[in-house]
Amino acid sequence: AYAEEKFTSGFTTGWKTDRGRIAMKFGIPNEVDRHPAETNARPYEVWIYYSEGRKQFIFADLEGLGRYELIFSSDERELTRPDWQILINAQ
């Protein structure tokens, strides 16, 4: 229910989004560092979990449509894009 309420976007239900999927898998993050609008960067969020060591997930709005995609994960079970830092800073 949390994923549906917080992450539904357009015609995509919350549990089908990257943020919704991670929230369902790991729970609500302990910290969320939001960067909604910066001069030289796309909007992005950093989610931090203290359990199971310290896990970090970075989601970016690559298309400017409010749809945040997972681009970095410190959890080896999740994919990380090798160009994730460039993706945030490219405009």
Protein backbone atom coordinates (compact mmCIF):
# COMPACT_ATOMS: atom_id res chain seq x y z
CA ALA A 1 0.00 0.00 0.00
CA TYR A 2 2.91 2.36 0.80
CA ALA A 3 4.47 1.85 -2.65
CA GLU A 4 1.13 2.44 -4.36
CA GLU A 5 0.47 5.64 -2.42
CA LYS A 6 3.93 7.18 -2.70
CA PHE A 7 5.29 6.07 -6.08
CA THR A 8 2.39 5.67 -8.53
CA SER A 9 3.25 7.83 -11.53
CA GLY A 10 0.99 8.38 -14.52
CA PHE A 11 -0.14 4.95 -15.67
CA THR A 12 2.57 3.07 -13.72
CA THR A 13 1.46 1.64 -10.40
CA GLY A 14 3.78 2.25 -7.46
CA TRP A 15 5.00 -1.31 -7.01
CA LYS A 16 6.17 -1.41 -10.64
CA THR A 17 8.45 1.62 -10.22
CA ASP A 18 12.08 1.26 -9.13
CA ARG A 19 11.47 3.22 -5.91
CA GLY A 20 8.35 1.20 -5.13
CA ARG A 21 10.15 -2.09 -5.74
CA ILE A 22 13.07 -1.13 -3.50
CA ALA A 23 10.70 0.10 -0.78
CA MET A 24 8.83 -3.22 -0.90
CA LYS A 25 12.07 -5.22 -0.81
CA PHE A 26 13.96 -3.27 1.86
CA GLY A 27 11.26 -1.23 3.62
CA ILE A 28 11.10 2.50 4.13
CA PRO A 29 14.63 3.99 4.01
CA ASN A 30 16.23 5.37 7.17
CA GLU A 31 17.35 8.47 5.28
CA VAL A 32 16.32 10.11 2.02
CA ASP A 33 18.49 12.86 0.59
CA ARG A 34 16.44 14.63 -2.10
CA HIS A 35 17.88 16.84 -4.82
CA PRO A 36 14.79 17.98 -6.74
CA ALA A 37 16.23 20.81 -8.80
CA GLU A 38 19.89 21.75 -9.02
CA THR A 39 21.49 23.96 -11.64
CA ASN A 40 23.87 21.40 -13.12
CA ALA A 41 22.17 18.12 -12.23
CA ARG A 42 19.06 16.16 -12.95
CA PRO A 43 16.67 15.58 -10.04
CA TYR A 44 17.79 12.62 -7.94
CA GLU A 45 17.30 10.94 -4.56
CA VAL A 46 19.70 8.99 -2.37
CA TRP A 47 18.11 6.36 -0.14
CA ILE A 48 20.11 5.00 2.79
CA TYR A 49 19.34 1.91 4.86
CA TYR A 50 21.23 1.13 8.07
CA SER A 51 20.20 -2.53 8.23
CA GLU A 52 22.36 -5.26 6.64
CA GLY A 53 25.36 -2.95 6.79
CA ARG A 54 24.79 0.36 5.09
CA LYS A 55 22.94 0.12 1.81
CA GLN A 56 22.61 3.02 -0.59
CA PHE A 57 20.35 3.43 -3.62
CA ILE A 58 20.37 6.38 -6.02
CA PHE A 59 17.37 7.14 -8.20
CA ALA A 60 17.38 9.82 -10.93
CA ASP A 61 14.67 11.45 -13.00
CA LEU A 62 16.46 10.96 -16.31
CA GLU A 63 13.67 12.22 -18.57
CA GLY A 64 12.38 15.10 -16.43
CA LEU A 65 8.96 13.48 -16.15
CA GLY A 66 9.01 12.61 -12.43
CA ARG A 67 9.82 8.95 -13.08
CA TYR A 68 12.85 8.08 -10.96
CA GLU A 69 14.99 5.17 -12.13
CA LEU A 70 17.47 3.19 -10.05
CA ILE A 71 20.93 4.06 -11.37
CA PHE A 72 23.19 3.03 -8.44
CA SER A 73 23.01 0.43 -5.70
CA SER A 74 25.52 -0.70 -3.11
CA ASP A 75 23.56 -3.97 -2.86
CA GLU A 76 25.12 -6.54 -5.19
CA ARG A 77 21.67 -8.02 -5.91
CA GLU A 78 20.60 -4.81 -7.66
CA LEU A 79 21.98 -3.39 -10.89
CA THR A 80 24.19 -0.31 -11.04
CA ARG A 81 24.70 1.63 -14.23
CA PRO A 82 28.44 2.19 -14.80
CA ASP A 83 27.74 5.75 -15.99
CA TRP A 84 25.49 6.69 -13.05
CA GLN A 85 27.51 9.78 -12.03
CA ILE A 86 27.49 11.12 -15.58
CA LEU A 87 23.73 10.54 -15.80
CA ILE A 88 23.05 12.78 -12.81
CA ASN A 89 25.25 15.61 -14.05
CA ALA A 90 24.25 15.46 -17.73
CA GLN A 91 21.58 17.89 -18.81
